[in-house]
Amino acid sequence: MARSSLREFQERLARRLAEAAGAERRGLLGFQCGSDNWLIELAEAGEILPPPPLSAVPLTRPWFRGLANVRGSLYGVVDFAAFNGQPPISAGGRARLLLIGARHGIHSALLVSSSSGLRSHEDFEPAPGGDAPPWVARRLRDMQGRAWLQLDPARLLAQPAFLDAGLE
């Protein structure tokens, strides 16, 4: 009986280690924002959740959607599609709030169209491209030929245009 239990324990342990190794390879979070596919390093993404009620802030740019209370902390919410010049995102349905600034000491969140789940670096190859905003770290293409943009949150959070949500 002891041999059987030890063997079962070893098999379960081997399965769990293999699953953990597979999870580490999925180091990217994919999301849609308007008509674009985006990726962010998991280490840079704080959390992704359904949008809570937003409190509007007067005299702000149209892409600044307001403030969200996430477990007692206030986050400034930016409609990432509108910020990138696309039509605004509706805060219902599949829309998600992506918290991005905690690592950088900024409570900022992006309102995105939907989440497309975890991705692996191996699923992408570099793609040629033209001009891109400074917060795009890389242009990539997946195995199905779809274009993706990799977000660099530190560069986005450093942009004066992103930080200045007030109307002039």
N, C-alpha and C. Protein backbone atom coordinates (compact mmCIF):
# COMPACT_ATOMS: atom_id res chain seq x y z
N MET A 1 0.81 -1.18 0.00
CA MET A 1 0.00 0.00 0.00
C MET A 1 0.87 1.26 0.00
N ALA A 2 1.95 1.24 0.75
CA ALA A 2 2.82 2.41 0.83
C ALA A 2 3.46 2.70 -0.53
N ARG A 3 3.85 1.65 -1.26
CA ARG A 3 4.46 1.86 -2.57
C ARG A 3 3.46 2.51 -3.53
N SER A 4 2.24 2.05 -3.47
CA SER A 4 1.21 2.61 -4.33
C SER A 4 1.00 4.09 -4.02
N SER A 5 0.93 4.43 -2.75
CA SER A 5 0.73 5.83 -2.37
C SER A 5 1.92 6.68 -2.77
N LEU A 6 3.12 6.18 -2.60
CA LEU A 6 4.30 6.92 -2.98
C LEU A 6 4.33 7.14 -4.49
N ARG A 7 3.97 6.11 -5.25
CA ARG A 7 3.95 6.22 -6.71
C ARG A 7 2.90 7.25 -7.13
N GLU A 8 1.72 7.21 -6.54
CA GLU A 8 0.67 8.18 -6.87
C GLU A 8 1.13 9.60 -6.53
N PHE A 9 1.78 9.74 -5.37
CA PHE A 9 2.29 11.04 -4.96
C PHE A 9 3.30 11.56 -5.98
N GLN A 10 4.22 10.70 -6.41
CA GLN A 10 5.24 11.11 -7.38
C GLN A 10 4.61 11.48 -8.73
N GLU A 11 3.59 10.73 -9.14
CA GLU A 11 2.93 11.05 -10.40
C GLU A 11 2.19 12.39 -10.32
N ARG A 12 1.51 12.62 -9.20
CA ARG A 12 0.82 13.91 -9.02
C ARG A 12 1.82 15.06 -8.99
N LEU A 13 2.93 14.85 -8.30
CA LEU A 13 3.96 15.88 -8.22
C LEU A 13 4.54 16.17 -9.60
N ALA A 14 4.81 15.15 -10.37
CA ALA A 14 5.35 15.33 -11.72
C ALA A 14 4.35 16.09 -12.61
N ARG A 15 3.05 15.77 -12.50
CA ARG A 15 2.02 16.48 -13.27
C ARG A 15 1.97 17.95 -12.87
N ARG A 16 2.00 18.22 -11.58
CA ARG A 16 1.93 19.60 -11.10
C ARG A 16 3.16 20.40 -11.54
N LEU A 17 4.34 19.78 -11.51
CA LEU A 17 5.54 20.47 -11.96
C LEU A 17 5.48 20.77 -13.45
N ALA A 18 4.96 19.83 -14.23
CA ALA A 18 4.81 20.04 -15.67
C ALA A 18 3.81 21.16 -15.95
N GLU A 19 2.70 21.20 -15.20
CA GLU A 19 1.71 22.26 -15.37
C GLU A 19 2.31 23.61 -15.01
N ALA A 20 3.08 23.66 -13.94
CA ALA A 20 3.70 24.92 -13.51
C ALA A 20 4.69 25.41 -14.55
N ALA A 21 5.45 24.53 -15.13
CA ALA A 21 6.41 24.92 -16.17
C ALA A 21 5.68 25.47 -17.39
N GLY A 22 4.54 24.85 -17.73
CA GLY A 22 3.74 25.34 -18.85
C GLY A 22 3.16 26.70 -18.57
N ALA A 23 2.77 26.98 -17.35
CA ALA A 23 2.20 28.28 -16.99
C ALA A 23 3.25 29.37 -17.08
N GLU A 24 4.50 29.07 -16.71
CA GLU A 24 5.56 30.07 -16.77
C GLU A 24 5.85 30.50 -18.20
N ARG A 25 5.65 29.61 -19.16
CA ARG A 25 5.89 29.96 -20.55
C ARG A 25 4.84 30.93 -21.07
N ARG A 26 3.71 30.98 -20.45
CA ARG A 26 2.64 31.88 -20.88
C ARG A 26 2.83 33.22 -20.17
N GLY A 27 3.80 33.96 -20.61
CA GLY A 27 4.20 35.19 -19.94
C GLY A 27 3.54 36.45 -20.45
N LEU A 28 2.55 36.33 -21.35
CA LEU A 28 1.90 37.49 -21.92
C LEU A 28 0.39 37.42 -21.70
N LEU A 29 -0.22 38.56 -21.51
CA LEU A 29 -1.67 38.66 -21.45
C LEU A 29 -2.13 39.36 -22.71
N GLY A 30 -3.06 38.76 -23.42
CA GLY A 30 -3.60 39.36 -24.63
C GLY A 30 -4.91 40.07 -24.35
N PHE A 31 -5.12 41.19 -25.04
CA PHE A 31 -6.40 41.89 -24.92
C PHE A 31 -6.69 42.64 -26.21
N GLN A 32 -7.98 42.87 -26.44
CA GLN A 32 -8.40 43.64 -27.60
C GLN A 32 -8.77 45.04 -27.13
N CYS A 33 -8.44 45.98 -27.97
CA CYS A 33 -8.76 47.37 -27.67
C CYS A 33 -9.17 48.01 -28.99
N GLY A 34 -10.46 48.24 -29.15
CA GLY A 34 -10.94 48.71 -30.44
C GLY A 34 -10.65 47.67 -31.50
N SER A 35 -9.98 48.06 -32.57
CA SER A 35 -9.68 47.11 -33.66
C SER A 35 -8.29 46.49 -33.53
N ASP A 36 -7.58 46.79 -32.45
CA ASP A 36 -6.21 46.30 -32.30
C ASP A 36 -6.11 45.16 -31.28
N ASN A 37 -5.18 44.26 -31.54
CA ASN A 37 -4.81 43.20 -30.59
C ASN A 37 -3.56 43.67 -29.85
N TRP A 38 -3.59 43.56 -28.53
CA TRP A 38 -2.49 44.02 -27.70
C TRP A 38 -1.98 42.90 -26.81
N LEU A 39 -0.73 43.02 -26.40
CA LEU A 39 -0.11 42.11 -25.44
C LEU A 39 0.57 42.94 -24.37
N ILE A 40 0.62 42.38 -23.17
CA ILE A 40 1.36 43.00 -22.08
C ILE A 40 2.04 41.88 -21.31
N GLU A 41 3.25 42.13 -20.87
CA GLU A 41 3.95 41.14 -20.05
C GLU A 41 3.14 40.93 -18.77
N LEU A 42 2.99 39.68 -18.36
CA LEU A 42 2.24 39.39 -17.14
C LEU A 42 2.82 40.11 -15.93
N ALA A 43 4.12 40.25 -15.89
CA ALA A 43 4.76 40.93 -14.77
C ALA A 43 4.37 42.41 -14.72
N GLU A 44 3.98 42.98 -15.85
CA GLU A 44 3.60 44.38 -15.92
C GLU A 44 2.10 44.59 -15.70
N ALA A 45 1.32 43.55 -15.89
CA ALA A 45 -0.13 43.66 -15.74
C ALA A 45 -0.49 43.40 -14.29
N GLY A 46 -1.16 44.35 -13.68
CA GLY A 46 -1.54 44.16 -12.29
C GLY A 46 -2.68 43.17 -12.13
N GLU A 47 -3.77 43.43 -12.78
CA GLU A 47 -4.97 42.61 -12.64
C GLU A 47 -5.90 42.99 -13.78
N ILE A 48 -6.77 42.07 -14.16
CA ILE A 48 -7.79 42.37 -15.16
C ILE A 48 -9.13 41.95 -14.56
N LEU A 49 -10.11 42.85 -14.61
CA LEU A 49 -11.39 42.60 -13.96
C LEU A 49 -12.51 43.31 -14.70
N PRO A 50 -13.76 42.88 -14.47
CA PRO A 50 -14.88 43.62 -15.06
C PRO A 50 -14.89 45.04 -14.51
N PRO A 51 -15.25 46.02 -15.33
CA PRO A 51 -15.21 47.40 -14.84
C PRO A 51 -16.23 47.64 -13.73
N PRO A 52 -15.78 48.18 -12.61
CA PRO A 52 -16.72 48.59 -11.57
C PRO A 52 -17.39 49.90 -12.00
N PRO A 53 -18.37 50.37 -11.23
CA PRO A 53 -18.95 51.68 -11.57
C PRO A 53 -17.86 52.76 -11.59
N LEU A 54 -17.94 53.63 -12.57
CA LEU A 54 -16.95 54.70 -12.71
C LEU A 54 -17.56 56.03 -12.28
N SER A 55 -16.79 56.81 -11.56
CA SER A 55 -17.20 58.16 -11.17
C SER A 55 -16.60 59.14 -12.16
N ALA A 56 -17.47 59.87 -12.85
CA ALA A 56 -17.00 60.83 -13.84
C ALA A 56 -16.24 61.96 -13.17
N VAL A 57 -15.27 62.50 -13.88
CA VAL A 57 -14.49 63.64 -13.41
C VAL A 57 -14.71 64.76 -14.43
N PRO A 58 -15.26 65.88 -13.98
CA PRO A 58 -15.52 66.97 -14.94
C PRO A 58 -14.23 67.60 -15.47
N LEU A 59 -14.36 68.22 -16.62
CA LEU A 59 -13.28 68.96 -17.26
C LEU A 59 -12.05 68.10 -17.58
N THR A 60 -12.32 66.88 -18.02
CA THR A 60 -11.24 65.99 -18.45
C THR A 60 -11.44 65.64 -19.92
N ARG A 61 -10.41 65.14 -20.50
CA ARG A 61 -10.46 64.74 -21.91
C ARG A 61 -11.45 63.58 -22.08
N PRO A 62 -12.00 63.44 -23.30
CA PRO A 62 -13.02 62.39 -23.51
C PRO A 62 -12.52 60.98 -23.24
N TRP A 63 -11.22 60.73 -23.41
CA TRP A 63 -10.70 59.38 -23.19
C TRP A 63 -10.49 59.07 -21.71
N PHE A 64 -10.55 60.07 -20.84
CA PHE A 64 -10.44 59.81 -19.39
C PHE A 64 -11.85 59.53 -18.89
N ARG A 65 -12.11 58.27 -18.54
CA ARG A 65 -13.46 57.84 -18.21
C ARG A 65 -13.86 58.10 -16.77
N GLY A 66 -12.90 58.38 -15.90
CA GLY A 66 -13.25 58.68 -14.52
C GLY A 66 -12.41 57.89 -13.55
N LEU A 67 -12.95 57.74 -12.34
CA LEU A 67 -12.27 57.02 -11.27
C LEU A 67 -13.01 55.75 -10.94
N ALA A 68 -12.25 54.71 -10.64
CA ALA A 68 -12.82 53.43 -10.22
C ALA A 68 -12.27 53.08 -8.84
N ASN A 69 -13.14 52.61 -7.99
CA ASN A 69 -12.74 52.15 -6.66
C ASN A 69 -12.53 50.64 -6.76
N VAL A 70 -11.28 50.22 -6.63
CA VAL A 70 -10.94 48.79 -6.69
C VAL A 70 -10.39 48.41 -5.32
N ARG A 71 -11.21 47.73 -4.54
CA ARG A 71 -10.86 47.30 -3.18
C ARG A 71 -10.29 48.42 -2.33
N GLY A 72 -10.94 49.58 -2.40
CA GLY A 72 -10.54 50.70 -1.55
C GLY A 72 -9.49 51.61 -2.12
N SER A 73 -8.94 51.31 -3.29
CA SER A 73 -7.95 52.19 -3.94
C SER A 73 -8.59 52.81 -5.17
N LEU A 74 -8.35 54.09 -5.37
CA LEU A 74 -8.89 54.78 -6.54
C LEU A 74 -7.91 54.68 -7.72
N TYR A 75 -8.46 54.35 -8.88
CA TYR A 75 -7.68 54.24 -10.11
C TYR A 75 -8.26 55.19 -11.14
N GLY A 76 -7.38 55.95 -11.81
CA GLY A 76 -7.79 56.74 -12.95
C GLY A 76 -7.98 55.81 -14.13
N VAL A 77 -9.14 55.89 -14.79
CA VAL A 77 -9.47 54.95 -15.87
C VAL A 77 -9.40 55.67 -17.22
N VAL A 78 -8.57 55.11 -18.10
CA VAL A 78 -8.38 55.65 -19.45
C VAL A 78 -8.99 54.66 -20.44
N ASP A 79 -9.87 55.18 -21.30
CA ASP A 79 -10.41 54.38 -22.40
C ASP A 79 -9.26 54.27 -23.41
N PHE A 80 -8.61 53.11 -23.43
CA PHE A 80 -7.39 52.95 -24.22
C PHE A 80 -7.65 53.06 -25.71
N ALA A 81 -8.82 52.62 -26.17
CA ALA A 81 -9.14 52.76 -27.59
C ALA A 81 -9.27 54.24 -27.95
N ALA A 82 -10.03 54.99 -27.16
CA ALA A 82 -10.22 56.41 -27.44
C ALA A 82 -8.89 57.16 -27.34
N PHE A 83 -8.05 56.78 -26.37
CA PHE A 83 -6.73 57.40 -26.24
C PHE A 83 -5.91 57.20 -27.50
N ASN A 84 -6.08 56.04 -28.15
CA ASN A 84 -5.35 55.72 -29.39
C ASN A 84 -6.09 56.17 -30.64
N GLY A 85 -7.11 57.02 -30.49
CA GLY A 85 -7.79 57.59 -31.65
C GLY A 85 -8.88 56.74 -32.24
N GLN A 86 -9.36 55.74 -31.55
CA GLN A 86 -10.43 54.88 -32.04
C GLN A 86 -11.73 55.23 -31.31
N PRO A 87 -12.87 54.68 -31.76
CA PRO A 87 -14.13 54.95 -31.06
C PRO A 87 -14.06 54.46 -29.61
N PRO A 88 -14.78 55.15 -28.70
CA PRO A 88 -14.74 54.76 -27.29
C PRO A 88 -15.33 53.38 -27.05
N ILE A 89 -14.94 52.80 -25.93
CA ILE A 89 -15.37 51.46 -25.54
C ILE A 89 -16.55 51.59 -24.57
N SER A 90 -17.54 50.76 -24.76
CA SER A 90 -18.65 50.69 -23.80
C SER A 90 -18.15 49.91 -22.58
N ALA A 91 -18.46 50.40 -21.39
CA ALA A 91 -17.95 49.78 -20.16
C ALA A 91 -18.70 48.51 -19.77
N GLY A 92 -19.61 48.02 -20.57
CA GLY A 92 -20.34 46.79 -20.25
C GLY A 92 -19.90 45.64 -21.12
N GLY A 93 -20.62 44.55 -21.04
CA GLY A 93 -20.36 43.37 -21.87
C GLY A 93 -19.02 42.73 -21.57
N ARG A 94 -18.19 42.57 -22.60
CA ARG A 94 -16.90 41.90 -22.45
C ARG A 94 -15.77 42.86 -22.06
N ALA A 95 -16.08 44.14 -21.90
CA ALA A 95 -15.05 45.12 -21.54
C ALA A 95 -14.40 44.75 -20.21
N ARG A 96 -13.14 45.09 -20.09
CA ARG A 96 -12.39 44.79 -18.87
C ARG A 96 -11.56 46.00 -18.47
N LEU A 97 -11.22 46.02 -17.20
CA LEU A 97 -10.34 47.04 -16.65
C LEU A 97 -9.00 46.37 -16.39
N LEU A 98 -7.95 46.90 -17.01
CA LEU A 98 -6.61 46.36 -16.86
C LEU A 98 -5.81 47.33 -16.00
N LEU A 99 -5.44 46.90 -14.79
CA LEU A 99 -4.66 47.75 -13.89
C LEU A 99 -3.20 47.65 -14.31
N ILE A 100 -2.59 48.81 -14.58
CA ILE A 100 -1.24 48.76 -15.14
C ILE A 100 -0.18 49.52 -14.36
N GLY A 101 -0.56 50.45 -13.51
CA GLY A 101 0.44 51.34 -12.96
C GLY A 101 0.98 51.02 -11.59
N ALA A 102 0.49 50.00 -10.92
CA ALA A 102 0.89 49.73 -9.53
C ALA A 102 2.40 49.56 -9.38
N ARG A 103 3.04 48.88 -10.29
CA ARG A 103 4.50 48.67 -10.21
C ARG A 103 5.27 49.97 -10.31
N HIS A 104 4.64 50.97 -10.90
CA HIS A 104 5.30 52.25 -11.14
C HIS A 104 4.81 53.34 -10.19
N GLY A 105 4.01 52.94 -9.20
CA GLY A 105 3.51 53.90 -8.22
C GLY A 105 2.40 54.79 -8.73
N ILE A 106 1.74 54.40 -9.81
CA ILE A 106 0.64 55.17 -10.39
C ILE A 106 -0.59 54.28 -10.43
N HIS A 107 -1.67 54.75 -9.85
CA HIS A 107 -2.92 53.98 -9.86
C HIS A 107 -3.68 54.30 -11.14
N SER A 108 -3.33 53.58 -12.19
CA SER A 108 -3.93 53.80 -13.50
C SER A 108 -4.50 52.49 -14.02
N ALA A 109 -5.60 52.61 -14.74
CA ALA A 109 -6.24 51.44 -15.33
C ALA A 109 -6.64 51.76 -16.76
N LEU A 110 -6.59 50.75 -17.61
CA LEU A 110 -7.02 50.89 -18.99
C LEU A 110 -8.34 50.17 -19.17
N LEU A 111 -9.31 50.85 -19.77
CA LEU A 111 -10.55 50.21 -20.16
C LEU A 111 -10.29 49.60 -21.53
N VAL A 112 -10.41 48.28 -21.65
CA VAL A 112 -10.14 47.59 -22.91
C VAL A 112 -11.40 46.84 -23.35
N SER A 113 -11.47 46.51 -24.64
CA SER A 113 -12.67 45.87 -25.20
C SER A 113 -12.92 44.49 -24.62
N SER A 114 -11.85 43.69 -24.50
CA SER A 114 -11.99 42.34 -23.95
C SER A 114 -10.60 41.76 -23.69
N SER A 115 -10.59 40.70 -22.92
CA SER A 115 -9.36 39.97 -22.65
C SER A 115 -9.33 38.75 -23.55
N SER A 116 -8.16 38.42 -24.08
CA SER A 116 -8.07 37.22 -24.91
C SER A 116 -7.20 36.15 -24.27
N GLY A 117 -6.86 36.32 -22.99
CA GLY A 117 -6.20 35.26 -22.24
C GLY A 117 -4.69 35.29 -22.30
N LEU A 118 -4.11 34.26 -21.70
CA LEU A 118 -2.66 34.15 -21.60
C LEU A 118 -2.07 33.64 -22.91
N ARG A 119 -0.93 34.17 -23.24
CA ARG A 119 -0.22 33.81 -24.46
C ARG A 119 1.23 33.50 -24.14
N SER A 120 1.86 32.79 -25.04
CA SER A 120 3.27 32.44 -24.89
C SER A 120 4.11 33.26 -25.86
N HIS A 121 5.31 33.62 -25.43
CA HIS A 121 6.23 34.34 -26.31
C HIS A 121 6.50 33.55 -27.59
N GLU A 122 6.51 32.22 -27.47
CA GLU A 122 6.80 31.37 -28.62
C GLU A 122 5.71 31.41 -29.68
N ASP A 123 4.52 31.95 -29.34
CA ASP A 123 3.41 32.02 -30.29
C ASP A 123 3.53 33.20 -31.24
N PHE A 124 4.58 34.01 -31.09
CA PHE A 124 4.69 35.24 -31.86
C PHE A 124 6.06 35.37 -32.52
N GLU A 125 6.07 36.12 -33.61
CA GLU A 125 7.32 36.47 -34.28
C GLU A 125 7.30 37.97 -34.55
N PRO A 126 8.46 38.58 -34.65
CA PRO A 126 8.50 40.02 -34.94
C PRO A 126 7.83 40.32 -36.27
N ALA A 127 7.14 41.45 -36.32
CA ALA A 127 6.47 41.86 -37.54
C ALA A 127 6.96 43.23 -37.95
N PRO A 128 7.15 43.43 -39.25
CA PRO A 128 7.53 44.77 -39.69
C PRO A 128 6.35 45.71 -39.51
N GLY A 129 6.65 46.95 -39.37
CA GLY A 129 5.55 47.90 -39.21
C GLY A 129 6.04 49.31 -39.41
N GLY A 130 5.08 50.17 -39.57
CA GLY A 130 5.39 51.58 -39.76
C GLY A 130 5.47 52.29 -38.42
N ASP A 131 5.02 53.51 -38.43
CA ASP A 131 5.05 54.31 -37.22
C ASP A 131 4.16 53.70 -36.15
N ALA A 132 4.62 53.81 -34.93
CA ALA A 132 3.84 53.34 -33.79
C ALA A 132 4.03 54.33 -32.65
N PRO A 133 3.03 54.46 -31.80
CA PRO A 133 3.21 55.34 -30.64
C PRO A 133 4.37 54.86 -29.77
N PRO A 134 4.94 55.74 -28.98
CA PRO A 134 6.10 55.37 -28.16
C PRO A 134 5.82 54.27 -27.14
N TRP A 135 4.55 54.04 -26.79
CA TRP A 135 4.24 53.00 -25.80
C TRP A 135 4.11 51.62 -26.41
N VAL A 136 4.36 51.50 -27.70
CA VAL A 136 4.39 50.18 -28.35
C VAL A 136 5.82 49.68 -28.30
N ALA A 137 6.03 48.62 -27.53
CA ALA A 137 7.38 48.05 -27.40
C ALA A 137 7.79 47.31 -28.66
N ARG A 138 6.85 46.53 -29.21
CA ARG A 138 7.15 45.72 -30.41
C ARG A 138 5.89 45.47 -31.19
N ARG A 139 6.06 45.27 -32.47
CA ARG A 139 4.98 44.77 -33.34
C ARG A 139 5.25 43.29 -33.54
N LEU A 140 4.20 42.49 -33.39
CA LEU A 140 4.34 41.03 -33.50
C LEU A 140 3.25 40.48 -34.41
N ARG A 141 3.45 39.24 -34.83
CA ARG A 141 2.47 38.53 -35.63
C ARG A 141 2.34 37.13 -35.04
N ASP A 142 1.09 36.66 -34.87
CA ASP A 142 0.90 35.31 -34.32
C ASP A 142 0.93 34.28 -35.45
N MET A 143 0.77 33.03 -35.10
CA MET A 143 0.88 31.94 -36.08
C MET A 143 -0.26 31.96 -37.11
N GLN A 144 -1.35 32.65 -36.80
CA GLN A 144 -2.47 32.78 -37.74
C GLN A 144 -2.32 34.03 -38.62
N GLY A 145 -1.23 34.79 -38.43
CA GLY A 145 -0.97 35.97 -39.24
C GLY A 145 -1.58 37.25 -38.70
N ARG A 146 -2.22 37.20 -37.53
CA ARG A 146 -2.81 38.42 -36.95
C ARG A 146 -1.74 39.31 -36.36
N ALA A 147 -1.92 40.62 -36.52
CA ALA A 147 -0.98 41.60 -35.99
C ALA A 147 -1.29 41.88 -34.52
N TRP A 148 -0.24 42.05 -33.72
CA TRP A 148 -0.35 42.37 -32.29
C TRP A 148 0.63 43.48 -31.98
N LEU A 149 0.27 44.28 -30.99
CA LEU A 149 1.14 45.33 -30.48
C LEU A 149 1.45 45.01 -29.03
N GLN A 150 2.71 45.09 -28.65
CA GLN A 150 3.08 44.83 -27.26
C GLN A 150 3.19 46.16 -26.53
N LEU A 151 2.43 46.29 -25.46
CA LEU A 151 2.39 47.52 -24.67
C LEU A 151 3.57 47.57 -23.71
N ASP A 152 4.19 48.74 -23.65
CA ASP A 152 5.21 49.01 -22.64
C ASP A 152 4.59 50.01 -21.66
N PRO A 153 4.06 49.52 -20.52
CA PRO A 153 3.36 50.41 -19.59
C PRO A 153 4.23 51.54 -19.05
N ALA A 154 5.51 51.29 -18.82
CA ALA A 154 6.38 52.34 -18.29
C ALA A 154 6.45 53.51 -19.27
N ARG A 155 6.56 53.21 -20.56
CA ARG A 155 6.60 54.28 -21.56
C ARG A 155 5.26 55.01 -21.65
N LEU A 156 4.16 54.24 -21.56
CA LEU A 156 2.83 54.86 -21.60
C LEU A 156 2.65 55.79 -20.41
N LEU A 157 3.00 55.31 -19.23
CA LEU A 157 2.82 56.10 -18.01
C LEU A 157 3.74 57.32 -17.97
N ALA A 158 4.79 57.34 -18.77
CA ALA A 158 5.71 58.47 -18.81
C ALA A 158 5.29 59.52 -19.83
N GLN A 159 4.29 59.22 -20.66
CA GLN A 159 3.87 60.16 -21.69
C GLN A 159 3.11 61.33 -21.09
N PRO A 160 3.54 62.55 -21.35
CA PRO A 160 2.82 63.73 -20.84
C PRO A 160 1.35 63.74 -21.29
N ALA A 161 1.07 63.29 -22.52
CA ALA A 161 -0.30 63.28 -23.00
C ALA A 161 -1.18 62.32 -22.20
N PHE A 162 -0.61 61.23 -21.73
CA PHE A 162 -1.35 60.25 -20.93
C PHE A 162 -1.60 60.78 -19.53
N LEU A 163 -0.61 61.45 -18.98
CA LEU A 163 -0.71 61.93 -17.60
C LEU A 163 -1.55 63.20 -17.48
N ASP A 164 -1.72 63.93 -18.58
CA ASP A 164 -2.47 65.18 -18.53
C ASP A 164 -3.88 64.96 -19.07
N ALA A 165 -4.78 64.51 -18.23
CA ALA A 165 -6.15 64.22 -18.64
C ALA A 165 -7.05 65.44 -18.57
N GLY A 166 -6.57 66.53 -18.00
CA GLY A 166 -7.39 67.73 -17.86
C GLY A 166 -7.53 68.49 -19.17
N LEU A 167 -8.70 69.09 -19.36
CA LEU A 167 -8.91 69.93 -20.54
C LEU A 167 -8.15 71.24 -20.37
N GLU A 168 -7.69 71.78 -21.46
CA GLU A 168 -6.95 73.05 -21.38
C GLU A 168 -7.88 74.23 -21.58
